[in-house]
Amino acid sequence: MAIENLPSDPMMLLSFTNTRLRDEGINLDDFCSQFQVDKSFIEEKLDKIGYTYNNELNKFI
């Protein structure tokens, strides 16, 4: 999969990302690898709506 398959709306991206992290049991690095996207792209886009990645919980909060 590639970045084109990710939702462009930040809230939808948040939901999509957290769901994939939870349901597939993968971490953010693996998620980014699957979608061929830089981790900083996801983190920056979600930071704009007030969410940051929590490594311990493995989700954006």
C-alpha atoms as a PDB file:
ATOM      1  CA  MET A   1       0.000   0.000   0.000  1.00  0.00           C
ATOM      2  CA  ALA A   2       1.065   3.561  -0.468  1.00  0.00           C
ATOM      3  CA  ILE A   3       0.357   6.964   0.967  1.00  0.00           C
ATOM      4  CA  GLU A   4      -2.412   7.482  -1.601  1.00  0.00           C
ATOM      5  CA  ASN A   5      -4.439   4.920   0.365  1.00  0.00           C
ATOM      6  CA  LEU A   6      -4.389   6.996   3.548  1.00  0.00           C
ATOM      7  CA  PRO A   7      -7.280   9.301   4.440  1.00  0.00           C
ATOM      8  CA  SER A   8      -6.449  12.951   3.760  1.00  0.00           C
ATOM      9  CA  ASP A   9      -8.736  14.326   6.494  1.00  0.00           C
ATOM     10  CA  PRO A  10      -6.743  14.486   9.746  1.00  0.00           C
ATOM     11  CA  MET A  11      -9.560  13.110  11.938  1.00  0.00           C
ATOM     12  CA  MET A  12     -10.113  10.210   9.554  1.00  0.00           C
ATOM     13  CA  LEU A  13      -6.358   9.618   9.459  1.00  0.00           C
ATOM     14  CA  LEU A  14      -6.318   9.523  13.261  1.00  0.00           C
ATOM     15  CA  SER A  15      -9.100   6.966  13.393  1.00  0.00           C
ATOM     16  CA  PHE A  16      -7.635   4.888  10.573  1.00  0.00           C
ATOM     17  CA  THR A  17      -4.136   4.889  12.065  1.00  0.00           C
ATOM     18  CA  ASN A  18      -5.174   4.032  15.616  1.00  0.00           C
ATOM     19  CA  THR A  19      -7.475   1.291  14.357  1.00  0.00           C
ATOM     20  CA  ARG A  20      -4.717  -0.301  12.283  1.00  0.00           C
ATOM     21  CA  LEU A  21      -2.226  -0.052  15.153  1.00  0.00           C
ATOM     22  CA  ARG A  22      -4.687  -1.731  17.503  1.00  0.00           C
ATOM     23  CA  ASP A  23      -6.243  -4.341  15.220  1.00  0.00           C
ATOM     24  CA  GLU A  24      -3.054  -5.458  13.494  1.00  0.00           C
ATOM     25  CA  GLY A  25      -0.846  -5.263  16.577  1.00  0.00           C
ATOM     26  CA  ILE A  26       1.793  -3.269  14.726  1.00  0.00           C
ATOM     27  CA  ASN A  27       3.758  -0.230  15.825  1.00  0.00           C
ATOM     28  CA  LEU A  28       3.941   3.145  14.104  1.00  0.00           C
ATOM     29  CA  ASP A  29       7.164   2.268  12.289  1.00  0.00           C
ATOM     30  CA  ASP A  30       5.558  -0.836  10.783  1.00  0.00           C
ATOM     31  CA  PHE A  31       2.450   1.145   9.850  1.00  0.00           C
ATOM     32  CA  CYS A  32       4.567   3.734   8.046  1.00  0.00           C
ATOM     33  CA  SER A  33       6.480   1.012   6.262  1.00  0.00           C
ATOM     34  CA  GLN A  34       3.229  -0.588   5.062  1.00  0.00           C
ATOM     35  CA  PHE A  35       2.014   2.698   3.629  1.00  0.00           C
ATOM     36  CA  GLN A  36       5.420   3.871   2.399  1.00  0.00           C
ATOM     37  CA  VAL A  37       5.162   7.131   4.307  1.00  0.00           C
ATOM     38  CA  ASP A  38       7.610   8.952   6.542  1.00  0.00           C
ATOM     39  CA  LYS A  39       6.737   8.731  10.197  1.00  0.00           C
ATOM     40  CA  SER A  40       7.190  12.499  10.478  1.00  0.00           C
ATOM     41  CA  PHE A  41       4.409  13.019   7.892  1.00  0.00           C
ATOM     42  CA  ILE A  42       1.879  11.179  10.085  1.00  0.00           C
ATOM     43  CA  GLU A  43       3.132  12.750  13.309  1.00  0.00           C
ATOM     44  CA  GLU A  44       3.074  16.291  11.899  1.00  0.00           C
ATOM     45  CA  LYS A  45      -0.370  15.925  10.334  1.00  0.00           C
ATOM     46  CA  LEU A  46      -1.890  14.608  13.571  1.00  0.00           C
ATOM     47  CA  ASP A  47       0.021  17.098  15.710  1.00  0.00           C
ATOM     48  CA  LYS A  48      -1.847  19.861  13.871  1.00  0.00           C
ATOM     49  CA  ILE A  49      -5.094  18.587  15.408  1.00  0.00           C
ATOM     50  CA  GLY A  50      -3.549  18.109  18.850  1.00  0.00           C
ATOM     51  CA  TYR A  51      -2.587  14.419  18.802  1.00  0.00           C
ATOM     52  CA  THR A  52       0.809  12.914  19.516  1.00  0.00           C
ATOM     53  CA  TYR A  53       1.985   9.334  19.336  1.00  0.00           C
ATOM     54  CA  ASN A  54       2.342   7.534  22.658  1.00  0.00           C
ATOM     55  CA  ASN A  55       4.824   4.705  22.198  1.00  0.00           C
ATOM     56  CA  GLU A  56       3.817   2.986  25.425  1.00  0.00           C
ATOM     57  CA  LEU A  57       0.122   2.881  24.487  1.00  0.00           C
ATOM     58  CA  ASN A  58       0.893   2.457  20.763  1.00  0.00           C
ATOM     59  CA  LYS A  59      -1.660   5.029  19.686  1.00  0.00           C
ATOM     60  CA  PHE A  60      -2.149   8.709  19.070  1.00  0.00           C
ATOM     61  CA  ILE A  61      -3.629  10.516  22.058  1.00  0.00           C
END
